[in-house]
PDB file of N, CA and C in Angstrom:
ATOM      1  N   MET A   1      64.685 -81.409 -47.874  1.00  0.00           N
ATOM      2  CA  MET A   1      65.611 -80.399 -48.340  1.00  0.00           C
ATOM      3  C   MET A   1      66.985 -81.036 -48.507  1.00  0.00           C
ATOM      4  N   PRO A   2      67.610 -80.854 -49.656  1.00  0.00           N
ATOM      5  CA  PRO A   2      68.923 -81.458 -49.887  1.00  0.00           C
ATOM      6  C   PRO A   2      69.999 -80.829 -48.992  1.00  0.00           C
ATOM      7  N   LYS A   3      70.962 -81.643 -48.637  1.00  0.00           N
ATOM      8  CA  LYS A   3      72.072 -81.206 -47.802  1.00  0.00           C
ATOM      9  C   LYS A   3      73.056 -80.409 -48.648  1.00  0.00           C
ATOM     10  N   THR A   4      73.529 -79.267 -48.112  1.00  0.00           N
ATOM     11  CA  THR A   4      74.530 -78.460 -48.789  1.00  0.00           C
ATOM     12  C   THR A   4      75.909 -78.940 -48.362  1.00  0.00           C
ATOM     13  N   THR A   5      76.811 -79.110 -49.313  1.00  0.00           N
ATOM     14  CA  THR A   5      78.180 -79.532 -49.011  1.00  0.00           C
ATOM     15  C   THR A   5      79.165 -78.602 -49.708  1.00  0.00           C
ATOM     16  N   ALA A   6      80.402 -78.681 -49.300  1.00  0.00           N
ATOM     17  CA  ALA A   6      81.501 -77.946 -49.922  1.00  0.00           C
ATOM     18  C   ALA A   6      82.705 -78.876 -49.963  1.00  0.00           C
ATOM     19  N   ILE A   7      83.703 -78.507 -50.718  1.00  0.00           N
ATOM     20  CA  ILE A   7      84.923 -79.302 -50.828  1.00  0.00           C
ATOM     21  C   ILE A   7      86.081 -78.500 -50.237  1.00  0.00           C
ATOM     22  N   ALA A   8      86.739 -79.065 -49.224  1.00  0.00           N
ATOM     23  CA  ALA A   8      87.975 -78.477 -48.689  1.00  0.00           C
ATOM     24  C   ALA A   8      89.104 -78.890 -49.628  1.00  0.00           C
ATOM     25  N   ASN A   9      89.953 -77.947 -49.976  1.00  0.00           N
ATOM     26  CA  ASN A   9      90.955 -78.159 -51.016  1.00  0.00           C
ATOM     27  C   ASN A   9      92.362 -78.189 -50.421  1.00  0.00           C
ATOM     28  N   GLY A  10      92.935 -79.370 -50.301  1.00  0.00           N
ATOM     29  CA  GLY A  10      94.276 -79.521 -49.755  1.00  0.00           C
ATOM     30  C   GLY A  10      95.372 -78.913 -50.612  1.00  0.00           C
ATOM     31  N   SER A  11      95.084 -78.617 -51.881  1.00  0.00           N
ATOM     32  CA  SER A  11      96.092 -77.965 -52.715  1.00  0.00           C
ATOM     33  C   SER A  11      96.108 -76.447 -52.499  1.00  0.00           C
ATOM     34  N   ASN A  12      95.092 -75.922 -51.794  1.00  0.00           N
ATOM     35  CA  ASN A  12      95.072 -74.508 -51.410  1.00  0.00           C
ATOM     36  C   ASN A  12      95.987 -74.365 -50.194  1.00  0.00           C
ATOM     37  N   GLU A  13      97.046 -73.574 -50.332  1.00  0.00           N
ATOM     38  CA  GLU A  13      98.046 -73.468 -49.266  1.00  0.00           C
ATOM     39  C   GLU A  13      97.443 -73.029 -47.934  1.00  0.00           C
ATOM     40  N   ALA A  14      96.512 -72.091 -47.961  1.00  0.00           N
ATOM     41  CA  ALA A  14      95.895 -71.617 -46.719  1.00  0.00           C
ATOM     42  C   ALA A  14      95.153 -72.749 -46.019  1.00  0.00           C
ATOM     43  N   GLU A  15      94.432 -73.554 -46.777  1.00  0.00           N
ATOM     44  CA  GLU A  15      93.697 -74.673 -46.189  1.00  0.00           C
ATOM     45  C   GLU A  15      94.635 -75.766 -45.689  1.00  0.00           C
ATOM     46  N   ARG A  16      95.682 -76.043 -46.459  1.00  0.00           N
ATOM     47  CA  ARG A  16      96.635 -77.079 -46.061  1.00  0.00           C
ATOM     48  C   ARG A  16      97.330 -76.697 -44.765  1.00  0.00           C
ATOM     49  N   ARG A  17      97.817 -75.451 -44.680  1.00  0.00           N
ATOM     50  CA  ARG A  17      98.503 -75.008 -43.457  1.00  0.00           C
ATOM     51  C   ARG A  17      97.557 -74.992 -42.266  1.00  0.00           C
ATOM     52  N   ALA A  18      96.330 -74.546 -42.491  1.00  0.00           N
ATOM     53  CA  ALA A  18      95.348 -74.527 -41.409  1.00  0.00           C
ATOM     54  C   ALA A  18      95.082 -75.935 -40.901  1.00  0.00           C
ATOM     55  N   SER A  19      94.993 -76.897 -41.816  1.00  0.00           N
ATOM     56  CA  SER A  19      94.735 -78.277 -41.402  1.00  0.00           C
ATOM     57  C   SER A  19      95.916 -78.858 -40.634  1.00  0.00           C
ATOM     58  N   GLU A  20      97.136 -78.500 -41.022  1.00  0.00           N
ATOM     59  CA  GLU A  20      98.324 -78.974 -40.295  1.00  0.00           C
ATOM     60  C   GLU A  20      98.289 -78.477 -38.851  1.00  0.00           C
ATOM     61  N   ASP A  21      98.030 -77.172 -38.677  1.00  0.00           N
ATOM     62  CA  ASP A  21      97.996 -76.617 -37.325  1.00  0.00           C
ATOM     63  C   ASP A  21      96.787 -77.111 -36.538  1.00  0.00           C
ATOM     64  N   ALA A  22      95.650 -77.310 -37.205  1.00  0.00           N
ATOM     65  CA  ALA A  22      94.469 -77.834 -36.516  1.00  0.00           C
ATOM     66  C   ALA A  22      94.756 -79.213 -35.934  1.00  0.00           C
ATOM     67  N   ASN A  23      95.561 -79.999 -36.635  1.00  0.00           N
ATOM     68  CA  ASN A  23      95.978 -81.302 -36.117  1.00  0.00           C
ATOM     69  C   ASN A  23      96.944 -81.143 -34.953  1.00  0.00           C
ATOM     70  N   GLN A  24      97.907 -80.237 -35.098  1.00  0.00           N
ATOM     71  CA  GLN A  24      98.932 -80.056 -34.068  1.00  0.00           C
ATOM     72  C   GLN A  24      98.362 -79.506 -32.760  1.00  0.00           C
ATOM     73  N   VAL A  25      97.362 -78.625 -32.820  1.00  0.00           N
ATOM     74  CA  VAL A  25      96.841 -78.042 -31.575  1.00  0.00           C
ATOM     75  C   VAL A  25      96.010 -79.030 -30.768  1.00  0.00           C
ATOM     76  N   GLN A  26      95.721 -80.195 -31.312  1.00  0.00           N
ATOM     77  CA  GLN A  26      94.924 -81.153 -30.554  1.00  0.00           C
ATOM     78  C   GLN A  26      95.635 -81.607 -29.278  1.00  0.00           C
ATOM     79  N   ASP A  27      96.950 -81.451 -29.212  1.00  0.00           N
ATOM     80  CA  ASP A  27      97.707 -81.794 -28.008  1.00  0.00           C
ATOM     81  C   ASP A  27      98.084 -80.558 -27.191  1.00  0.00           C
ATOM     82  N   ALA A  28      97.635 -79.391 -27.591  1.00  0.00           N
ATOM     83  CA  ALA A  28      98.023 -78.139 -26.935  1.00  0.00           C
ATOM     84  C   ALA A  28      97.136 -77.841 -25.730  1.00  0.00           C
ATOM     85  N   CYS A  29      97.640 -76.992 -24.841  1.00  0.00           N
ATOM     86  CA  CYS A  29      96.845 -76.555 -23.689  1.00  0.00           C
ATOM     87  C   CYS A  29      96.972 -75.052 -23.442  1.00  0.00           C
ATOM     88  N   ASN A  30      97.617 -74.319 -24.339  1.00  0.00           N
ATOM     89  CA  ASN A  30      97.775 -72.873 -24.202  1.00  0.00           C
ATOM     90  C   ASN A  30      96.652 -72.193 -24.976  1.00  0.00           C
ATOM     91  N   LEU A  31      95.640 -71.731 -24.249  1.00  0.00           N
ATOM     92  CA  LEU A  31      94.452 -71.152 -24.871  1.00  0.00           C
ATOM     93  C   LEU A  31      94.787 -69.978 -25.782  1.00  0.00           C
ATOM     94  N   ILE A  32      95.671 -69.106 -25.343  1.00  0.00           N
ATOM     95  CA  ILE A  32      96.026 -67.927 -26.142  1.00  0.00           C
ATOM     96  C   ILE A  32      96.679 -68.347 -27.458  1.00  0.00           C
ATOM     97  N   ALA A  33      97.572 -69.314 -27.400  1.00  0.00           N
ATOM     98  CA  ALA A  33      98.247 -69.781 -28.617  1.00  0.00           C
ATOM     99  C   ALA A  33      97.261 -70.454 -29.572  1.00  0.00           C
ATOM    100  N   ILE A  34      96.332 -71.239 -29.038  1.00  0.00           N
ATOM    101  CA  ILE A  34      95.357 -71.929 -29.879  1.00  0.00           C
ATOM    102  C   ILE A  34      94.458 -70.925 -30.591  1.00  0.00           C
ATOM    103  N   VAL A  35      93.931 -69.975 -29.831  1.00  0.00           N
ATOM    104  CA  VAL A  35      93.033 -68.971 -30.423  1.00  0.00           C
ATOM    105  C   VAL A  35      93.793 -68.101 -31.422  1.00  0.00           C
ATOM    106  N   GLY A  36      95.023 -67.721 -31.092  1.00  0.00           N
ATOM    107  CA  GLY A  36      95.825 -66.919 -32.005  1.00  0.00           C
ATOM    108  C   GLY A  36      96.111 -67.649 -33.307  1.00  0.00           C
ATOM    109  N   CYS A  37      96.422 -68.922 -33.201  1.00  0.00           N
ATOM    110  CA  CYS A  37      96.689 -69.744 -34.385  1.00  0.00           C
ATOM    111  C   CYS A  37      95.434 -69.855 -35.244  1.00  0.00           C
ATOM    112  N   TRP A  38      94.313 -70.106 -34.610  1.00  0.00           N
ATOM    113  CA  TRP A  38      93.054 -70.227 -35.348  1.00  0.00           C
ATOM    114  C   TRP A  38      92.709 -68.905 -36.037  1.00  0.00           C
ATOM    115  N   HIS A  39      92.885 -67.809 -35.323  1.00  0.00           N
ATOM    116  CA  HIS A  39      92.608 -66.494 -35.899  1.00  0.00           C
ATOM    117  C   HIS A  39      93.464 -66.257 -37.143  1.00  0.00           C
ATOM    118  N   ARG A  40      94.734 -66.584 -37.060  1.00  0.00           N
ATOM    119  CA  ARG A  40      95.632 -66.419 -38.200  1.00  0.00           C
ATOM    120  C   ARG A  40      95.144 -67.219 -39.403  1.00  0.00           C
ATOM    121  N   HIS A  41      94.694 -68.448 -39.161  1.00  0.00           N
ATOM    122  CA  HIS A  41      94.223 -69.290 -40.261  1.00  0.00           C
ATOM    123  C   HIS A  41      92.853 -68.854 -40.779  1.00  0.00           C
ATOM    124  N   LEU A  42      91.992 -68.358 -39.913  1.00  0.00           N
ATOM    125  CA  LEU A  42      90.707 -67.829 -40.380  1.00  0.00           C
ATOM    126  C   LEU A  42      90.933 -66.675 -41.349  1.00  0.00           C
ATOM    127  N   LEU A  43      91.850 -65.773 -40.990  1.00  0.00           N
ATOM    128  CA  LEU A  43      92.155 -64.647 -41.872  1.00  0.00           C
ATOM    129  C   LEU A  43      92.753 -65.124 -43.194  1.00  0.00           C
ATOM    130  N   ALA A  44      93.683 -66.070 -43.121  1.00  0.00           N
ATOM    131  CA  ALA A  44      94.326 -66.569 -44.342  1.00  0.00           C
ATOM    132  C   ALA A  44      93.307 -67.247 -45.258  1.00  0.00           C
ATOM    133  N   MET A  45      92.449 -68.060 -44.685  1.00  0.00           N
ATOM    134  CA  MET A  45      91.453 -68.731 -45.517  1.00  0.00           C
ATOM    135  C   MET A  45      90.440 -67.728 -46.075  1.00  0.00           C
ATOM    136  N   SER A  46      90.106 -66.731 -45.279  1.00  0.00           N
ATOM    137  CA  SER A  46      89.213 -65.679 -45.763  1.00  0.00           C
ATOM    138  C   SER A  46      89.834 -64.940 -46.948  1.00  0.00           C
ATOM    139  N   HIS A  47      91.117 -64.615 -46.824  1.00  0.00           N
ATOM    140  CA  HIS A  47      91.814 -63.945 -47.926  1.00  0.00           C
ATOM    141  C   HIS A  47      91.958 -64.850 -49.149  1.00  0.00           C
ATOM    142  N   ALA A  48      91.879 -66.164 -48.925  1.00  0.00           N
ATOM    143  CA  ALA A  48      91.950 -67.122 -50.036  1.00  0.00           C
ATOM    144  C   ALA A  48      90.572 -67.369 -50.656  1.00  0.00           C
ATOM    145  N   GLY A  49      89.570 -66.636 -50.187  1.00  0.00           N
ATOM    146  CA  GLY A  49      88.250 -66.730 -50.788  1.00  0.00           C
ATOM    147  C   GLY A  49      87.265 -67.646 -50.089  1.00  0.00           C
ATOM    148  N   ILE A  50      87.632 -68.171 -48.930  1.00  0.00           N
ATOM    149  CA  ILE A  50      86.723 -69.032 -48.175  1.00  0.00           C
ATOM    150  C   ILE A  50      86.049 -68.152 -47.130  1.00  0.00           C
ATOM    151  N   GLY A  51      84.736 -68.089 -47.145  1.00  0.00           N
ATOM    152  CA  GLY A  51      84.051 -67.204 -46.214  1.00  0.00           C
ATOM    153  C   GLY A  51      82.682 -67.722 -45.834  1.00  0.00           C
ATOM    154  N   GLY A  52      82.020 -66.967 -44.984  1.00  0.00           N
ATOM    155  CA  GLY A  52      80.651 -67.273 -44.575  1.00  0.00           C
ATOM    156  C   GLY A  52      80.501 -68.673 -44.019  1.00  0.00           C
ATOM    157  N   ASP A  53      79.431 -69.331 -44.451  1.00  0.00           N
ATOM    158  CA  ASP A  53      79.145 -70.683 -43.961  1.00  0.00           C
ATOM    159  C   ASP A  53      80.261 -71.669 -44.281  1.00  0.00           C
ATOM    160  N   ASN A  54      80.941 -71.474 -45.415  1.00  0.00           N
ATOM    161  CA  ASN A  54      82.039 -72.383 -45.764  1.00  0.00           C
ATOM    162  C   ASN A  54      83.185 -72.268 -44.770  1.00  0.00           C
ATOM    163  N   LEU A  55      83.474 -71.070 -44.284  1.00  0.00           N
ATOM    164  CA  LEU A  55      84.546 -70.881 -43.303  1.00  0.00           C
ATOM    165  C   LEU A  55      84.118 -71.396 -41.931  1.00  0.00           C
ATOM    166  N   ILE A  56      82.881 -71.102 -41.555  1.00  0.00           N
ATOM    167  CA  ILE A  56      82.367 -71.546 -40.252  1.00  0.00           C
ATOM    168  C   ILE A  56      82.345 -73.074 -40.162  1.00  0.00           C
ATOM    169  N   ASN A  57      81.989 -73.732 -41.248  1.00  0.00           N
ATOM    170  CA  ASN A  57      81.843 -75.190 -41.260  1.00  0.00           C
ATOM    171  C   ASN A  57      83.046 -75.929 -41.815  1.00  0.00           C
ATOM    172  N   HIS A  58      84.128 -75.213 -42.119  1.00  0.00           N
ATOM    173  CA  HIS A  58      85.330 -75.833 -42.672  1.00  0.00           C
ATOM    174  C   HIS A  58      85.889 -76.841 -41.657  1.00  0.00           C
ATOM    175  N   PRO A  59      86.411 -77.964 -42.115  1.00  0.00           N
ATOM    176  CA  PRO A  59      86.955 -78.963 -41.186  1.00  0.00           C
ATOM    177  C   PRO A  59      87.981 -78.392 -40.201  1.00  0.00           C
ATOM    178  N   THR A  60      88.804 -77.446 -40.632  1.00  0.00           N
ATOM    179  CA  THR A  60      89.788 -76.886 -39.693  1.00  0.00           C
ATOM    180  C   THR A  60      89.100 -76.044 -38.626  1.00  0.00           C
ATOM    181  N   SER A  61      88.059 -75.311 -38.986  1.00  0.00           N
ATOM    182  CA  SER A  61      87.316 -74.544 -37.984  1.00  0.00           C
ATOM    183  C   SER A  61      86.703 -75.483 -36.954  1.00  0.00           C
ATOM    184  N   LEU A  62      86.113 -76.562 -37.433  1.00  0.00           N
ATOM    185  CA  LEU A  62      85.494 -77.525 -36.524  1.00  0.00           C
ATOM    186  C   LEU A  62      86.530 -78.174 -35.609  1.00  0.00           C
ATOM    187  N   ALA A  63      87.728 -78.426 -36.136  1.00  0.00           N
ATOM    188  CA  ALA A  63      88.789 -79.016 -35.309  1.00  0.00           C
ATOM    189  C   ALA A  63      89.237 -78.048 -34.217  1.00  0.00           C
ATOM    190  N   PHE A  64      89.376 -76.765 -34.553  1.00  0.00           N
ATOM    191  CA  PHE A  64      89.749 -75.778 -33.539  1.00  0.00           C
ATOM    192  C   PHE A  64      88.644 -75.627 -32.494  1.00  0.00           C
ATOM    193  N   VAL A  65      87.394 -75.588 -32.926  1.00  0.00           N
ATOM    194  CA  VAL A  65      86.268 -75.486 -31.993  1.00  0.00           C
ATOM    195  C   VAL A  65      86.240 -76.704 -31.073  1.00  0.00           C
ATOM    196  N   SER A  66      86.472 -77.876 -31.643  1.00  0.00           N
ATOM    197  CA  SER A  66      86.509 -79.103 -30.852  1.00  0.00           C
ATOM    198  C   SER A  66      87.571 -79.007 -29.763  1.00  0.00           C
ATOM    199  N   LYS A  67      88.748 -78.498 -30.125  1.00  0.00           N
ATOM    200  CA  LYS A  67      89.822 -78.367 -29.145  1.00  0.00           C
ATOM    201  C   LYS A  67      89.433 -77.394 -28.039  1.00  0.00           C
ATOM    202  N   LEU A  68      88.840 -76.254 -28.407  1.00  0.00           N
ATOM    203  CA  LEU A  68      88.426 -75.277 -27.402  1.00  0.00           C
ATOM    204  C   LEU A  68      87.355 -75.863 -26.482  1.00  0.00           C
ATOM    205  N   ASN A  69      86.405 -76.595 -27.054  1.00  0.00           N
ATOM    206  CA  ASN A  69      85.385 -77.249 -26.235  1.00  0.00           C
ATOM    207  C   ASN A  69      86.008 -78.219 -25.248  1.00  0.00           C
ATOM    208  N   SER A  70      86.962 -78.989 -25.716  1.00  0.00           N
ATOM    209  CA  SER A  70      87.634 -79.956 -24.868  1.00  0.00           C
ATOM    210  C   SER A  70      88.463 -79.264 -23.786  1.00  0.00           C
ATOM    211  N   LEU A  71      89.222 -78.265 -24.180  1.00  0.00           N
ATOM    212  CA  LEU A  71      90.090 -77.565 -23.238  1.00  0.00           C
ATOM    213  C   LEU A  71      89.286 -76.885 -22.132  1.00  0.00           C
ATOM    214  N   CYS A  72      88.145 -76.321 -22.488  1.00  0.00           N
ATOM    215  CA  CYS A  72      87.298 -75.614 -21.518  1.00  0.00           C
ATOM    216  C   CYS A  72      86.312 -76.549 -20.824  1.00  0.00           C
ATOM    217  N   ARG A  73      86.387 -77.837 -21.136  1.00  0.00           N
ATOM    218  CA  ARG A  73      85.475 -78.828 -20.560  1.00  0.00           C
ATOM    219  C   ARG A  73      84.023 -78.407 -20.766  1.00  0.00           C
ATOM    220  N   MET A  74      83.733 -77.972 -21.987  1.00  0.00           N
ATOM    221  CA  MET A  74      82.426 -77.389 -22.295  1.00  0.00           C
ATOM    222  C   MET A  74      81.316 -78.417 -22.201  1.00  0.00           C
ATOM    223  N   SER A  75      80.244 -77.997 -21.562  1.00  0.00           N
ATOM    224  CA  SER A  75      78.988 -78.745 -21.500  1.00  0.00           C
ATOM    225  C   SER A  75      77.883 -77.701 -21.564  1.00  0.00           C
ATOM    226  N   THR A  76      76.670 -78.149 -21.771  1.00  0.00           N
ATOM    227  CA  THR A  76      75.557 -77.200 -21.799  1.00  0.00           C
ATOM    228  C   THR A  76      75.446 -76.483 -20.455  1.00  0.00           C
ATOM    229  N   GLU A  77      75.648 -77.209 -19.375  1.00  0.00           N
ATOM    230  CA  GLU A  77      75.573 -76.622 -18.033  1.00  0.00           C
ATOM    231  C   GLU A  77      76.636 -75.532 -17.851  1.00  0.00           C
ATOM    232  N   ARG A  78      77.878 -75.818 -18.273  1.00  0.00           N
ATOM    233  CA  ARG A  78      78.951 -74.810 -18.149  1.00  0.00           C
ATOM    234  C   ARG A  78      78.682 -73.615 -19.058  1.00  0.00           C
ATOM    235  N   GLU A  79      78.145 -73.866 -20.234  1.00  0.00           N
ATOM    236  CA  GLU A  79      77.837 -72.772 -21.147  1.00  0.00           C
ATOM    237  C   GLU A  79      76.776 -71.848 -20.548  1.00  0.00           C
ATOM    238  N   MET A  80      75.718 -72.413 -19.980  1.00  0.00           N
ATOM    239  CA  MET A  80      74.658 -71.609 -19.367  1.00  0.00           C
ATOM    240  C   MET A  80      75.194 -70.820 -18.165  1.00  0.00           C
ATOM    241  N   ALA A  81      76.062 -71.455 -17.374  1.00  0.00           N
ATOM    242  CA  ALA A  81      76.658 -70.769 -16.226  1.00  0.00           C
ATOM    243  C   ALA A  81      77.541 -69.611 -16.692  1.00  0.00           C
ATOM    244  N   ALA A  82      78.276 -69.819 -17.783  1.00  0.00           N
ATOM    245  CA  ALA A  82      79.135 -68.755 -18.316  1.00  0.00           C
ATOM    246  C   ALA A  82      78.292 -67.583 -18.824  1.00  0.00           C
ATOM    247  N   LEU A  83      77.202 -67.875 -19.500  1.00  0.00           N
ATOM    248  CA  LEU A  83      76.336 -66.808 -20.003  1.00  0.00           C
ATOM    249  C   LEU A  83      75.688 -66.034 -18.848  1.00  0.00           C
ATOM    250  N   ASP A  84      75.311 -66.744 -17.779  1.00  0.00           N
ATOM    251  CA  ASP A  84      74.788 -66.057 -16.587  1.00  0.00           C
ATOM    252  C   ASP A  84      75.865 -65.167 -15.966  1.00  0.00           C
ATOM    253  N   ALA A  85      77.094 -65.673 -15.904  1.00  0.00           N
ATOM    254  CA  ALA A  85      78.204 -64.890 -15.342  1.00  0.00           C
ATOM    255  C   ALA A  85      78.474 -63.642 -16.181  1.00  0.00           C
ATOM    256  N   ILE A  86      78.403 -63.782 -17.495  1.00  0.00           N
ATOM    257  CA  ILE A  86      78.622 -62.639 -18.380  1.00  0.00           C
ATOM    258  C   ILE A  86      77.586 -61.556 -18.117  1.00  0.00           C
ATOM    259  N   ASP A  87      76.326 -61.965 -17.893  1.00  0.00           N
ATOM    260  CA  ASP A  87      75.277 -60.984 -17.576  1.00  0.00           C
ATOM    261  C   ASP A  87      75.636 -60.215 -16.307  1.00  0.00           C
ATOM    262  N   LYS A  88      76.114 -60.929 -15.286  1.00  0.00           N
ATOM    263  CA  LYS A  88      76.509 -60.276 -14.042  1.00  0.00           C
ATOM    264  C   LYS A  88      77.674 -59.319 -14.277  1.00  0.00           C
ATOM    265  N   LEU A  89      78.666 -59.773 -15.019  1.00  0.00           N
ATOM    266  CA  LEU A  89      79.832 -58.935 -15.288  1.00  0.00           C
ATOM    267  C   LEU A  89      79.433 -57.668 -16.038  1.00  0.00           C
ATOM    268  N   GLN A  90      78.522 -57.785 -16.988  1.00  0.00           N
ATOM    269  CA  GLN A  90      78.060 -56.618 -17.738  1.00  0.00           C
ATOM    270  C   GLN A  90      77.356 -55.611 -16.836  1.00  0.00           C
ATOM    271  N   ARG A  91      76.721 -56.101 -15.777  1.00  0.00           N
ATOM    272  CA  ARG A  91      76.048 -55.204 -14.840  1.00  0.00           C
ATOM    273  C   ARG A  91      77.014 -54.653 -13.791  1.00  0.00           C
ATOM    274  N   GLY A  92      78.289 -55.029 -13.902  1.00  0.00           N
ATOM    275  CA  GLY A  92      79.287 -54.555 -12.945  1.00  0.00           C
ATOM    276  C   GLY A  92      79.359 -55.376 -11.670  1.00  0.00           C
ATOM    277  N   GLU A  93      78.744 -56.541 -11.674  1.00  0.00           N
ATOM    278  CA  GLU A  93      78.740 -57.418 -10.503  1.00  0.00           C
ATOM    279  C   GLU A  93      79.860 -58.445 -10.605  1.00  0.00           C
ATOM    280  N   ALA A  94      80.184 -59.071  -9.483  1.00  0.00           N
ATOM    281  CA  ALA A  94      81.144 -60.172  -9.463  1.00  0.00           C
ATOM    282  C   ALA A  94      80.416 -61.452  -9.874  1.00  0.00           C
ATOM    283  N   ALA A  95      81.158 -62.369 -10.446  1.00  0.00           N
ATOM    284  CA  ALA A  95      80.567 -63.652 -10.861  1.00  0.00           C
ATOM    285  C   ALA A  95      81.525 -64.772 -10.494  1.00  0.00           C
ATOM    286  N   GLU A  96      81.032 -65.707  -9.699  1.00  0.00           N
ATOM    287  CA  GLU A  96      81.823 -66.875  -9.322  1.00  0.00           C
ATOM    288  C   GLU A  96      81.685 -67.926 -10.423  1.00  0.00           C
ATOM    289  N   TYR A  97      82.797 -68.616 -10.719  1.00  0.00           N
ATOM    290  CA  TYR A  97      82.757 -69.646 -11.753  1.00  0.00           C
ATOM    291  C   TYR A  97      83.635 -70.809 -11.344  1.00  0.00           C
ATOM    292  N   GLU A  98      83.309 -71.980 -11.872  1.00  0.00           N
ATOM    293  CA  GLU A  98      84.047 -73.203 -11.576  1.00  0.00           C
ATOM    294  C   GLU A  98      85.330 -73.259 -12.382  1.00  0.00           C
ATOM    295  N   VAL A  99      86.417 -73.635 -11.731  1.00  0.00           N
ATOM    296  CA  VAL A  99      87.709 -73.817 -12.404  1.00  0.00           C
ATOM    297  C   VAL A  99      88.034 -75.307 -12.365  1.00  0.00           C
ATOM    298  N   ILE A 100      88.101 -75.913 -13.528  1.00  0.00           N
ATOM    299  CA  ILE A 100      88.410 -77.344 -13.625  1.00  0.00           C
ATOM    300  C   ILE A 100      89.865 -77.451 -14.100  1.00  0.00           C
ATOM    301  N   PRO A 101      90.767 -77.949 -13.261  1.00  0.00           N
ATOM    302  CA  PRO A 101      92.178 -78.061 -13.678  1.00  0.00           C
ATOM    303  C   PRO A 101      92.357 -79.008 -14.852  1.00  0.00           C
ATOM    304  N   LEU A 102      93.416 -78.752 -15.627  1.00  0.00           N
ATOM    305  CA  LEU A 102      93.711 -79.615 -16.770  1.00  0.00           C
ATOM    306  C   LEU A 102      94.125 -80.987 -16.339  1.00  0.00           C
TER     307      LEU A 102
END
């Protein structure tokens, strides 16, 4: 099966600005600011006509996801523990979780 590709367009202002911020957040540690910035750019790129798989797989989306993975010290083990904790929280139970300092 042939690989599907897309072209990210640096002349599109929404994509250019998103890429600038995606680069800048690589040194950030404020989770709320990172997610807020990414959300703003997702909306802008969506309004510029980038959507679905193209938005999910856009280089700026991947850069933001990479930063979140790094900031949260994401691993498969931590992801499974978080999903187990979410199940407990949904049932109204307490859930203990590991806190890894920056």
